Amino acid sequence: MASYIARRLGLAVLVMLTISFLSFLMLKMSGDLAISMAGEGSGADYVEFLRKTYGWDKPLITQYWDWLVKALQGDIGTSFYYGSPVMTLIVERMPATLALGAMAIVMALCTAIPLGMAAGRYPGRLIDKVALLVALLGVSTPIFWLSFLLILVLGLQFAVLPISGGGSFRHLIMPAMALAFYSMPAIIRISRAGMIEVMRSDYIRTARAKGLRPHRIYLGHALRNTLVPVVAVASVQFGFLLGGSVVVENIFAIHGIGYLTWEAINQNDYPVVQAALLAVSAAYVVLTLLADIVNMMIDPRIRLD
């Protein structure tokens, strides 16, 4: 188990280094940071002063190395717009995004897993058609349209939930519902496909031949093996929720990482944009690593790969 975790951890570190370099490179390709920071009408002398001050006149690989050394020490730059350390902004905004993403993924899992597994257990029946319809609607419904629909119905028409802000649990319900509906299709499909495959396997037929009751076969044998791909998909979907919260956080005025990213893009605040990208990428990597460990605990055969 230790060697398996060590391999996965080493791979996670390599992935993060690759992402950090690519994000650094893409921001450099987006334009001259000195000109963007100086603003229109600034003189060439001031632009050159900024290049030398921030080290932007050095070779690209040298700039990346200097940034990486500081980043490993907890210094990922200073915001052009806020004038505060970027790490401070990320730490302040991350709890709101994590709370929103956690609520959304719990909603999605509690709805999609039972629905998908029921559809896989009874393929072709009414429950299967309902599950496929929900998955289709989730894929085809734009998240911003669903967010405005929730505001119109639950916030204005019935006035049961607040329509903006993130000050309490109730403020997160509507945005979490929008994000959850966005994540449900993938979980429904993988749960359904996994259940269909498991129910057709030899050990399920053997359990039936022994005369085990259907609920014992379903809960004791089929459910555990069906959860292996679901865990992997759920971890990826959680990462999607964190990265896709930019739209939802802006619609519902939740001041998390997504809202911070939107502000940084509008203000050409490149250090914050890069840090937000790295924060979401790190969440993906950590969630994938945790999913691998959980799947190894569910199915010990995985550690032999």
C-alpha atoms as a PDB file:
ATOM      1  CA  MET A   1       0.000   0.000   0.000  1.00  0.00           C
ATOM      2  CA  ALA A   2       2.812   2.415   0.898  1.00  0.00           C
ATOM      3  CA  SER A   3       4.564   1.929  -2.448  1.00  0.00           C
ATOM      4  CA  TYR A   4       1.294   2.460  -4.318  1.00  0.00           C
ATOM      5  CA  ILE A   5       0.623   5.721  -2.469  1.00  0.00           C
ATOM      6  CA  ALA A   6       4.244   6.831  -2.983  1.00  0.00           C
ATOM      7  CA  ARG A   7       3.968   6.267  -6.755  1.00  0.00           C
ATOM      8  CA  ARG A   8       0.718   8.175  -6.945  1.00  0.00           C
ATOM      9  CA  LEU A   9       2.142  10.987  -4.818  1.00  0.00           C
ATOM     10  CA  GLY A  10       5.212  11.280  -7.043  1.00  0.00           C
ATOM     11  CA  LEU A  11       2.988  11.410 -10.116  1.00  0.00           C
ATOM     12  CA  ALA A  12       0.870  14.124  -8.468  1.00  0.00           C
ATOM     13  CA  VAL A  13       3.967  16.252  -7.844  1.00  0.00           C
ATOM     14  CA  LEU A  14       5.069  15.912 -11.481  1.00  0.00           C
ATOM     15  CA  VAL A  15       1.594  16.862 -12.679  1.00  0.00           C
ATOM     16  CA  MET A  16       1.558  19.978 -10.493  1.00  0.00           C
ATOM     17  CA  LEU A  17       4.987  21.051 -11.742  1.00  0.00           C
ATOM     18  CA  THR A  18       3.827  20.612 -15.331  1.00  0.00           C
ATOM     19  CA  ILE A  19       0.643  22.586 -14.697  1.00  0.00           C
ATOM     20  CA  SER A  20       2.561  25.369 -12.966  1.00  0.00           C
ATOM     21  CA  PHE A  21       4.918  25.734 -15.926  1.00  0.00           C
ATOM     22  CA  LEU A  22       2.117  25.646 -18.504  1.00  0.00           C
ATOM     23  CA  SER A  23       0.050  28.212 -16.611  1.00  0.00           C
ATOM     24  CA  PHE A  24       3.125  30.435 -16.263  1.00  0.00           C
ATOM     25  CA  LEU A  25       3.836  30.061 -19.985  1.00  0.00           C
ATOM     26  CA  MET A  26       0.259  30.781 -21.080  1.00  0.00           C
ATOM     27  CA  LEU A  27       0.095  33.966 -19.040  1.00  0.00           C
ATOM     28  CA  LYS A  28       3.346  35.132 -20.604  1.00  0.00           C
ATOM     29  CA  MET A  29       1.927  34.404 -24.061  1.00  0.00           C
ATOM     30  CA  SER A  30      -1.213  36.417 -23.325  1.00  0.00           C
ATOM     31  CA  GLY A  31       0.662  39.702 -23.710  1.00  0.00           C
ATOM     32  CA  ASP A  32       3.299  41.987 -22.252  1.00  0.00           C
ATOM     33  CA  LEU A  33       2.627  42.126 -18.511  1.00  0.00           C
ATOM     34  CA  ALA A  34       4.593  45.360 -18.118  1.00  0.00           C
ATOM     35  CA  ILE A  35       2.435  47.172 -20.688  1.00  0.00           C
ATOM     36  CA  SER A  36      -0.765  45.792 -19.152  1.00  0.00           C
ATOM     37  CA  MET A  37       0.290  46.873 -15.684  1.00  0.00           C
ATOM     38  CA  ALA A  38       1.500  50.321 -16.794  1.00  0.00           C
ATOM     39  CA  GLY A  39      -1.743  51.079 -18.613  1.00  0.00           C
ATOM     40  CA  GLU A  40      -2.456  52.940 -21.796  1.00  0.00           C
ATOM     41  CA  GLY A  41      -0.491  56.122 -22.428  1.00  0.00           C
ATOM     42  CA  SER A  42       2.446  55.154 -20.204  1.00  0.00           C
ATOM     43  CA  GLY A  43       5.905  56.008 -21.420  1.00  0.00           C
ATOM     44  CA  ALA A  44       8.481  53.488 -22.582  1.00  0.00           C
ATOM     45  CA  ASP A  45      10.764  54.343 -19.644  1.00  0.00           C
ATOM     46  CA  TYR A  46       8.079  53.417 -17.102  1.00  0.00           C
ATOM     47  CA  VAL A  47       7.292  50.172 -18.924  1.00  0.00           C
ATOM     48  CA  GLU A  48      10.979  49.257 -18.937  1.00  0.00           C
ATOM     49  CA  PHE A  49      11.195  50.136 -15.236  1.00  0.00           C
ATOM     50  CA  LEU A  50       8.387  47.691 -14.491  1.00  0.00           C
ATOM     51  CA  ARG A  51      10.097  44.951 -16.505  1.00  0.00           C
ATOM     52  CA  LYS A  52      13.275  45.323 -14.478  1.00  0.00           C
ATOM     53  CA  THR A  53      11.441  45.676 -11.159  1.00  0.00           C
ATOM     54  CA  TYR A  54       9.483  42.436 -11.590  1.00  0.00           C
ATOM     55  CA  GLY A  55      12.234  40.577 -13.429  1.00  0.00           C
ATOM     56  CA  TRP A  56      10.280  40.364 -16.655  1.00  0.00           C
ATOM     57  CA  ASP A  57      13.366  41.258 -18.675  1.00  0.00           C
ATOM     58  CA  LYS A  58      15.025  37.947 -17.769  1.00  0.00           C
ATOM     59  CA  PRO A  59      14.831  34.769 -19.890  1.00  0.00           C
ATOM     60  CA  LEU A  60      11.528  32.902 -19.516  1.00  0.00           C
ATOM     61  CA  ILE A  61      13.012  29.840 -17.844  1.00  0.00           C
ATOM     62  CA  THR A  62      14.804  32.076 -15.330  1.00  0.00           C
ATOM     63  CA  GLN A  63      11.563  33.891 -14.560  1.00  0.00           C
ATOM     64  CA  TYR A  64       9.797  30.569 -13.991  1.00  0.00           C
ATOM     65  CA  TRP A  65      12.564  29.257 -11.750  1.00  0.00           C
ATOM     66  CA  ASP A  66      12.535  32.418  -9.625  1.00  0.00           C
ATOM     67  CA  TRP A  67       8.753  32.202  -9.338  1.00  0.00           C
ATOM     68  CA  LEU A  68       8.852  28.483  -8.462  1.00  0.00           C
ATOM     69  CA  VAL A  69      11.435  28.986  -5.705  1.00  0.00           C
ATOM     70  CA  LYS A  70       9.299  31.713  -4.138  1.00  0.00           C
ATOM     71  CA  ALA A  71       6.109  29.678  -4.611  1.00  0.00           C
ATOM     72  CA  LEU A  72       7.608  26.732  -2.726  1.00  0.00           C
ATOM     73  CA  GLN A  73       8.242  29.166   0.123  1.00  0.00           C
ATOM     74  CA  GLY A  74       4.611  30.322   0.092  1.00  0.00           C
ATOM     75  CA  ASP A  75       5.137  33.507  -1.928  1.00  0.00           C
ATOM     76  CA  ILE A  76       3.150  33.366  -5.175  1.00  0.00           C
ATOM     77  CA  GLY A  77       3.284  37.066  -5.877  1.00  0.00           C
ATOM     78  CA  THR A  78       1.410  40.264  -5.101  1.00  0.00           C
ATOM     79  CA  SER A  79      -1.901  41.271  -6.627  1.00  0.00           C
ATOM     80  CA  PHE A  80      -1.660  44.186  -9.060  1.00  0.00           C
ATOM     81  CA  TYR A  81      -5.230  45.241  -8.277  1.00  0.00           C
ATOM     82  CA  TYR A  82      -5.588  44.588  -4.543  1.00  0.00           C
ATOM     83  CA  GLY A  83      -1.965  45.227  -3.577  1.00  0.00           C
ATOM     84  CA  SER A  84      -2.135  42.247  -1.201  1.00  0.00           C
ATOM     85  CA  PRO A  85      -0.186  38.967  -1.235  1.00  0.00           C
ATOM     86  CA  VAL A  86      -1.910  36.564  -3.596  1.00  0.00           C
ATOM     87  CA  MET A  87      -1.670  33.745  -1.070  1.00  0.00           C
ATOM     88  CA  THR A  88      -3.680  35.811   1.400  1.00  0.00           C
ATOM     89  CA  LEU A  89      -6.429  36.381  -1.168  1.00  0.00           C
ATOM     90  CA  ILE A  90      -6.572  32.679  -2.071  1.00  0.00           C
ATOM     91  CA  VAL A  91      -6.741  31.595   1.571  1.00  0.00           C
ATOM     92  CA  GLU A  92      -9.496  34.125   2.289  1.00  0.00           C
ATOM     93  CA  ARG A  93     -11.639  33.133  -0.699  1.00  0.00           C
ATOM     94  CA  MET A  94     -11.073  29.362  -0.791  1.00  0.00           C
ATOM     95  CA  PRO A  95     -13.430  28.404   2.112  1.00  0.00           C
ATOM     96  CA  ALA A  96     -16.479  29.821   0.307  1.00  0.00           C
ATOM     97  CA  THR A  97     -15.691  27.890  -2.877  1.00  0.00           C
ATOM     98  CA  LEU A  98     -14.955  24.673  -0.986  1.00  0.00           C
ATOM     99  CA  ALA A  99     -18.200  24.958   0.978  1.00  0.00           C
ATOM    100  CA  LEU A 100     -20.173  25.538  -2.217  1.00  0.00           C
ATOM    101  CA  GLY A 101     -18.444  22.690  -4.053  1.00  0.00           C
ATOM    102  CA  ALA A 102     -18.850  20.290  -1.132  1.00  0.00           C
ATOM    103  CA  MET A 103     -22.567  21.001  -0.836  1.00  0.00           C
ATOM    104  CA  ALA A 104     -23.023  20.612  -4.589  1.00  0.00           C
ATOM    105  CA  ILE A 105     -21.177  17.291  -4.822  1.00  0.00           C
ATOM    106  CA  VAL A 106     -23.108  15.887  -1.846  1.00  0.00           C
ATOM    107  CA  MET A 107     -26.385  16.874  -3.537  1.00  0.00           C
ATOM    108  CA  ALA A 108     -25.231  15.325  -6.810  1.00  0.00           C
ATOM    109  CA  LEU A 109     -24.051  12.064  -5.237  1.00  0.00           C
ATOM    110  CA  CYS A 110     -27.121  11.615  -3.031  1.00  0.00           C
ATOM    111  CA  THR A 111     -29.348  11.982  -6.098  1.00  0.00           C
ATOM    112  CA  ALA A 112     -27.323  10.558  -8.976  1.00  0.00           C
ATOM    113  CA  ILE A 113     -25.922   7.377  -7.407  1.00  0.00           C
ATOM    114  CA  PRO A 114     -29.278   5.901  -6.298  1.00  0.00           C
ATOM    115  CA  LEU A 115     -30.880   6.987  -9.565  1.00  0.00           C
ATOM    116  CA  GLY A 116     -28.087   5.558 -11.710  1.00  0.00           C
ATOM    117  CA  MET A 117     -27.885   2.281  -9.807  1.00  0.00           C
ATOM    118  CA  ALA A 118     -31.652   1.820  -9.889  1.00  0.00           C
ATOM    119  CA  ALA A 119     -31.547   2.448 -13.652  1.00  0.00           C
ATOM    120  CA  GLY A 120     -28.762  -0.125 -14.009  1.00  0.00           C
ATOM    121  CA  ARG A 121     -30.633  -2.672 -11.966  1.00  0.00           C
ATOM    122  CA  TYR A 122     -33.799  -2.265 -14.043  1.00  0.00           C
ATOM    123  CA  PRO A 123     -32.583  -1.332 -17.561  1.00  0.00           C
ATOM    124  CA  GLY A 124     -35.314  -0.430 -20.022  1.00  0.00           C
ATOM    125  CA  ARG A 125     -37.916   0.211 -17.343  1.00  0.00           C
ATOM    126  CA  LEU A 126     -39.455   3.504 -16.255  1.00  0.00           C
ATOM    127  CA  ILE A 127     -36.751   4.335 -13.702  1.00  0.00           C
ATOM    128  CA  ASP A 128     -34.114   3.824 -16.381  1.00  0.00           C
ATOM    129  CA  LYS A 129     -35.870   6.209 -18.742  1.00  0.00           C
ATOM    130  CA  VAL A 130     -36.232   8.803 -15.978  1.00  0.00           C
ATOM    131  CA  ALA A 131     -32.531   8.553 -15.139  1.00  0.00           C
ATOM    132  CA  LEU A 132     -31.498   8.954 -18.775  1.00  0.00           C
ATOM    133  CA  LEU A 133     -33.853  11.936 -19.142  1.00  0.00           C
ATOM    134  CA  VAL A 134     -32.334  13.624 -16.081  1.00  0.00           C
ATOM    135  CA  ALA A 135     -28.838  12.987 -17.460  1.00  0.00           C
ATOM    136  CA  LEU A 136     -29.836  14.434 -20.826  1.00  0.00           C
ATOM    137  CA  LEU A 137     -31.303  17.542 -19.225  1.00  0.00           C
ATOM    138  CA  GLY A 138     -28.205  17.991 -17.094  1.00  0.00           C
ATOM    139  CA  VAL A 139     -25.946  17.896 -20.135  1.00  0.00           C
ATOM    140  CA  SER A 140     -28.076  20.173 -22.303  1.00  0.00           C
ATOM    141  CA  THR A 141     -29.071  22.816 -19.728  1.00  0.00           C
ATOM    142  CA  PRO A 142     -26.670  25.798 -19.514  1.00  0.00           C
ATOM    143  CA  ILE A 143     -25.662  26.368 -15.934  1.00  0.00           C
ATOM    144  CA  PHE A 144     -26.241  30.135 -16.121  1.00  0.00           C
ATOM    145  CA  TRP A 145     -29.793  29.590 -17.435  1.00  0.00           C
ATOM    146  CA  LEU A 146     -30.561  27.149 -14.625  1.00  0.00           C
ATOM    147  CA  SER A 147     -29.137  29.583 -12.085  1.00  0.00           C
ATOM    148  CA  PHE A 148     -31.402  32.404 -13.299  1.00  0.00           C
ATOM    149  CA  LEU A 149     -34.374  30.004 -13.344  1.00  0.00           C
ATOM    150  CA  LEU A 150     -33.730  29.056  -9.715  1.00  0.00           C
ATOM    151  CA  ILE A 151     -33.481  32.718  -8.768  1.00  0.00           C
ATOM    152  CA  LEU A 152     -36.752  33.464 -10.559  1.00  0.00           C
ATOM    153  CA  VAL A 153     -38.672  30.561  -9.010  1.00  0.00           C
ATOM    154  CA  LEU A 154     -37.177  29.997  -5.556  1.00  0.00           C
ATOM    155  CA  GLY A 155     -35.852  33.489  -4.919  1.00  0.00           C
ATOM    156  CA  LEU A 156     -38.497  35.783  -6.414  1.00  0.00           C
ATOM    157  CA  GLN A 157     -41.674  33.814  -7.113  1.00  0.00           C
ATOM    158  CA  PHE A 158     -41.817  31.845  -3.835  1.00  0.00           C
ATOM    159  CA  ALA A 159     -39.136  33.799  -1.907  1.00  0.00           C
ATOM    160  CA  VAL A 160     -37.962  30.759   0.035  1.00  0.00           C
ATOM    161  CA  LEU A 161     -34.222  31.272  -0.475  1.00  0.00           C
ATOM    162  CA  PRO A 162     -31.914  34.332  -0.653  1.00  0.00           C
ATOM    163  CA  ILE A 163     -30.823  35.137  -4.204  1.00  0.00           C
ATOM    164  CA  SER A 164     -27.323  36.469  -3.565  1.00  0.00           C
ATOM    165  CA  GLY A 165     -24.486  36.493  -1.092  1.00  0.00           C
ATOM    166  CA  GLY A 166     -22.806  33.696   0.820  1.00  0.00           C
ATOM    167  CA  GLY A 167     -23.306  34.625   4.435  1.00  0.00           C
ATOM    168  CA  SER A 168     -25.171  31.503   5.548  1.00  0.00           C
ATOM    169  CA  PHE A 169     -26.033  27.925   4.666  1.00  0.00           C
ATOM    170  CA  ARG A 170     -29.265  29.037   2.999  1.00  0.00           C
ATOM    171  CA  HIS A 171     -27.347  31.323   0.633  1.00  0.00           C
ATOM    172  CA  LEU A 172     -25.481  28.312  -0.797  1.00  0.00           C
ATOM    173  CA  ILE A 173     -28.497  26.108  -1.510  1.00  0.00           C
ATOM    174  CA  MET A 174     -29.487  27.564  -4.891  1.00  0.00           C
ATOM    175  CA  PRO A 175     -25.965  27.814  -6.339  1.00  0.00           C
ATOM    176  CA  ALA A 176     -25.233  24.314  -5.033  1.00  0.00           C
ATOM    177  CA  MET A 177     -28.373  23.023  -6.764  1.00  0.00           C
ATOM    178  CA  ALA A 178     -27.236  24.548 -10.064  1.00  0.00           C
ATOM    179  CA  LEU A 179     -23.764  23.013  -9.775  1.00  0.00           C
ATOM    180  CA  ALA A 180     -25.152  19.655  -8.627  1.00  0.00           C
ATOM    181  CA  PHE A 181     -27.456  19.389 -11.632  1.00  0.00           C
ATOM    182  CA  TYR A 182     -24.437  20.125 -13.823  1.00  0.00           C
ATOM    183  CA  SER A 183     -22.497  17.211 -12.261  1.00  0.00           C
ATOM    184  CA  MET A 184     -25.258  14.612 -12.094  1.00  0.00           C
ATOM    185  CA  PRO A 185     -25.203  13.314 -15.709  1.00  0.00           C
ATOM    186  CA  ALA A 186     -21.691  11.836 -15.530  1.00  0.00           C
ATOM    187  CA  ILE A 187     -22.375  10.184 -12.171  1.00  0.00           C
ATOM    188  CA  ILE A 188     -25.716   8.787 -13.350  1.00  0.00           C
ATOM    189  CA  ARG A 189     -24.196   7.317 -16.500  1.00  0.00           C
ATOM    190  CA  ILE A 190     -21.209   5.722 -14.787  1.00  0.00           C
ATOM    191  CA  SER A 191     -23.401   4.337 -11.974  1.00  0.00           C
ATOM    192  CA  ARG A 192     -25.863   2.889 -14.464  1.00  0.00           C
ATOM    193  CA  ALA A 193     -23.171   1.365 -16.688  1.00  0.00           C
ATOM    194  CA  GLY A 194     -21.301  -0.048 -13.698  1.00  0.00           C
ATOM    195  CA  MET A 195     -24.415  -1.626 -12.236  1.00  0.00           C
ATOM    196  CA  ILE A 196     -25.399  -3.215 -15.558  1.00  0.00           C
ATOM    197  CA  GLU A 197     -21.908  -4.684 -15.964  1.00  0.00           C
ATOM    198  CA  VAL A 198     -21.737  -5.966 -12.394  1.00  0.00           C
ATOM    199  CA  MET A 199     -25.211  -7.530 -12.456  1.00  0.00           C
ATOM    200  CA  ARG A 200     -24.182  -9.536 -15.532  1.00  0.00           C
ATOM    201  CA  SER A 201     -20.961 -10.835 -13.973  1.00  0.00           C
ATOM    202  CA  ASP A 202     -20.298 -14.452 -13.014  1.00  0.00           C
ATOM    203  CA  TYR A 203     -20.120 -13.934  -9.261  1.00  0.00           C
ATOM    204  CA  ILE A 204     -23.585 -12.338  -9.270  1.00  0.00           C
ATOM    205  CA  ARG A 205     -24.963 -15.361 -11.113  1.00  0.00           C
ATOM    206  CA  THR A 206     -23.240 -17.590  -8.555  1.00  0.00           C
ATOM    207  CA  ALA A 207     -24.795 -15.625  -5.701  1.00  0.00           C
ATOM    208  CA  ARG A 208     -28.203 -16.023  -7.286  1.00  0.00           C
ATOM    209  CA  ALA A 209     -27.619 -19.753  -7.751  1.00  0.00           C
ATOM    210  CA  LYS A 210     -26.848 -20.052  -4.034  1.00  0.00           C
ATOM    211  CA  GLY A 211     -30.273 -18.613  -3.299  1.00  0.00           C
ATOM    212  CA  LEU A 212     -29.168 -15.306  -1.773  1.00  0.00           C
ATOM    213  CA  ARG A 213     -31.889 -12.731  -1.437  1.00  0.00           C
ATOM    214  CA  PRO A 214     -31.923  -9.960  -4.071  1.00  0.00           C
ATOM    215  CA  HIS A 215     -31.218  -7.179  -1.566  1.00  0.00           C
ATOM    216  CA  ARG A 216     -28.149  -9.035  -0.253  1.00  0.00           C
ATOM    217  CA  ILE A 217     -26.855  -9.515  -3.786  1.00  0.00           C
ATOM    218  CA  TYR A 218     -27.492  -5.873  -4.588  1.00  0.00           C
ATOM    219  CA  LEU A 219     -26.094  -4.323  -1.417  1.00  0.00           C
ATOM    220  CA  GLY A 220     -23.478  -6.867  -0.419  1.00  0.00           C
ATOM    221  CA  HIS A 221     -21.963  -7.767  -3.785  1.00  0.00           C
ATOM    222  CA  ALA A 222     -22.958  -5.435  -6.618  1.00  0.00           C
ATOM    223  CA  LEU A 223     -22.876  -2.086  -4.816  1.00  0.00           C
ATOM    224  CA  ARG A 224     -19.250  -2.242  -3.672  1.00  0.00           C
ATOM    225  CA  ASN A 225     -17.827  -3.034  -7.108  1.00  0.00           C
ATOM    226  CA  THR A 226     -20.051  -0.462  -8.774  1.00  0.00           C
ATOM    227  CA  LEU A 227     -18.669   2.265  -6.507  1.00  0.00           C
ATOM    228  CA  VAL A 228     -15.076   1.950  -7.800  1.00  0.00           C
ATOM    229  CA  PRO A 229     -15.590   3.959 -11.023  1.00  0.00           C
ATOM    230  CA  VAL A 230     -18.119   6.212  -9.270  1.00  0.00           C
ATOM    231  CA  VAL A 231     -15.496   7.369  -6.756  1.00  0.00           C
ATOM    232  CA  ALA A 232     -13.118   8.321  -9.571  1.00  0.00           C
ATOM    233  CA  VAL A 233     -15.815  10.211 -11.475  1.00  0.00           C
ATOM    234  CA  ALA A 234     -17.039  11.948  -8.314  1.00  0.00           C
ATOM    235  CA  SER A 235     -13.543  13.249  -7.546  1.00  0.00           C
ATOM    236  CA  VAL A 236     -13.234  14.647 -11.072  1.00  0.00           C
ATOM    237  CA  GLN A 237     -16.690  16.197 -10.851  1.00  0.00           C
ATOM    238  CA  PHE A 238     -15.773  17.867  -7.567  1.00  0.00           C
ATOM    239  CA  GLY A 239     -12.807  19.407  -9.347  1.00  0.00           C
ATOM    240  CA  PHE A 240     -15.114  20.543 -12.145  1.00  0.00           C
ATOM    241  CA  LEU A 241     -17.364  22.191  -9.573  1.00  0.00           C
ATOM    242  CA  LEU A 242     -14.460  24.138  -8.090  1.00  0.00           C
ATOM    243  CA  GLY A 243     -13.286  25.246 -11.530  1.00  0.00           C
ATOM    244  CA  GLY A 244     -16.774  25.861 -12.898  1.00  0.00           C
ATOM    245  CA  SER A 245     -17.846  27.973  -9.949  1.00  0.00           C
ATOM    246  CA  VAL A 246     -16.731  31.152 -11.771  1.00  0.00           C
ATOM    247  CA  VAL A 247     -20.119  31.582 -13.463  1.00  0.00           C
ATOM    248  CA  VAL A 248     -22.233  30.527 -10.492  1.00  0.00           C
ATOM    249  CA  GLU A 249     -20.322  32.584  -7.947  1.00  0.00           C
ATOM    250  CA  ASN A 250     -20.731  35.680 -10.104  1.00  0.00           C
ATOM    251  CA  ILE A 251     -24.451  35.125 -10.617  1.00  0.00           C
ATOM    252  CA  PHE A 252     -25.106  34.602  -6.901  1.00  0.00           C
ATOM    253  CA  ALA A 253     -22.441  37.100  -5.706  1.00  0.00           C
ATOM    254  CA  ILE A 254     -20.509  34.558  -3.668  1.00  0.00           C
ATOM    255  CA  HIS A 255     -17.020  35.869  -2.992  1.00  0.00           C
ATOM    256  CA  GLY A 256     -15.020  32.720  -3.534  1.00  0.00           C
ATOM    257  CA  ILE A 257     -12.201  31.710  -5.847  1.00  0.00           C
ATOM    258  CA  GLY A 258     -14.461  31.908  -8.902  1.00  0.00           C
ATOM    259  CA  TYR A 259     -15.524  35.468  -8.124  1.00  0.00           C
ATOM    260  CA  LEU A 260     -11.902  36.404  -7.418  1.00  0.00           C
ATOM    261  CA  THR A 261     -10.832  34.924 -10.761  1.00  0.00           C
ATOM    262  CA  TRP A 262     -13.473  36.930 -12.611  1.00  0.00           C
ATOM    263  CA  GLU A 263     -12.343  40.145 -10.929  1.00  0.00           C
ATOM    264  CA  ALA A 264      -8.695  39.374 -11.689  1.00  0.00           C
ATOM    265  CA  ILE A 265      -9.431  38.738 -15.380  1.00  0.00           C
ATOM    266  CA  ASN A 266     -11.311  42.026 -15.670  1.00  0.00           C
ATOM    267  CA  GLN A 267      -8.464  43.920 -13.997  1.00  0.00           C
ATOM    268  CA  ASN A 268      -5.611  42.123 -15.828  1.00  0.00           C
ATOM    269  CA  ASP A 269      -4.393  40.906 -12.442  1.00  0.00           C
ATOM    270  CA  TYR A 270      -2.190  38.120 -13.803  1.00  0.00           C
ATOM    271  CA  PRO A 271      -0.658  36.887 -10.513  1.00  0.00           C
ATOM    272  CA  VAL A 272      -4.149  36.250  -9.122  1.00  0.00           C
ATOM    273  CA  VAL A 273      -5.321  34.527 -12.318  1.00  0.00           C
ATOM    274  CA  GLN A 274      -2.313  32.223 -12.235  1.00  0.00           C
ATOM    275  CA  ALA A 275      -2.753  31.480  -8.533  1.00  0.00           C
ATOM    276  CA  ALA A 276      -6.451  30.694  -8.967  1.00  0.00           C
ATOM    277  CA  LEU A 277      -5.628  28.348 -11.833  1.00  0.00           C
ATOM    278  CA  LEU A 278      -3.018  26.604  -9.709  1.00  0.00           C
ATOM    279  CA  ALA A 279      -5.400  26.356  -6.738  1.00  0.00           C
ATOM    280  CA  VAL A 280      -8.077  24.636  -8.824  1.00  0.00           C
ATOM    281  CA  SER A 281      -5.471  22.399 -10.475  1.00  0.00           C
ATOM    282  CA  ALA A 282      -4.082  21.432  -7.074  1.00  0.00           C
ATOM    283  CA  ALA A 283      -7.607  20.541  -5.981  1.00  0.00           C
ATOM    284  CA  TYR A 284      -7.940  18.268  -9.036  1.00  0.00           C
ATOM    285  CA  VAL A 285      -4.639  16.550  -8.270  1.00  0.00           C
ATOM    286  CA  VAL A 286      -5.408  16.064  -4.562  1.00  0.00           C
ATOM    287  CA  LEU A 287      -8.914  14.785  -5.258  1.00  0.00           C
ATOM    288  CA  THR A 288      -7.624  12.330  -7.859  1.00  0.00           C
ATOM    289  CA  LEU A 289      -4.993  11.080  -5.414  1.00  0.00           C
ATOM    290  CA  LEU A 290      -7.612  10.618  -2.691  1.00  0.00           C
ATOM    291  CA  ALA A 291      -9.882   8.818  -5.145  1.00  0.00           C
ATOM    292  CA  ASP A 292      -7.070   6.399  -6.032  1.00  0.00           C
ATOM    293  CA  ILE A 293      -6.514   5.656  -2.342  1.00  0.00           C
ATOM    294  CA  VAL A 294     -10.230   5.147  -1.665  1.00  0.00           C
ATOM    295  CA  ASN A 295     -10.577   2.867  -4.697  1.00  0.00           C
ATOM    296  CA  MET A 296      -7.583   0.865  -3.512  1.00  0.00           C
ATOM    297  CA  MET A 297      -9.336   0.359  -0.168  1.00  0.00           C
ATOM    298  CA  ILE A 298     -12.571  -0.683  -1.899  1.00  0.00           C
ATOM    299  CA  ASP A 299     -10.831  -2.987  -4.391  1.00  0.00           C
ATOM    300  CA  PRO A 300      -7.376  -4.204  -3.170  1.00  0.00           C
ATOM    301  CA  ARG A 301      -6.585  -5.535  -6.660  1.00  0.00           C
ATOM    302  CA  ILE A 302      -5.920  -1.960  -7.795  1.00  0.00           C
ATOM    303  CA  ARG A 303      -2.656  -1.775  -5.833  1.00  0.00           C
ATOM    304  CA  LEU A 304      -1.272  -4.511  -8.091  1.00  0.00           C
ATOM    305  CA  ASP A 305      -1.445  -2.249 -11.174  1.00  0.00           C
END
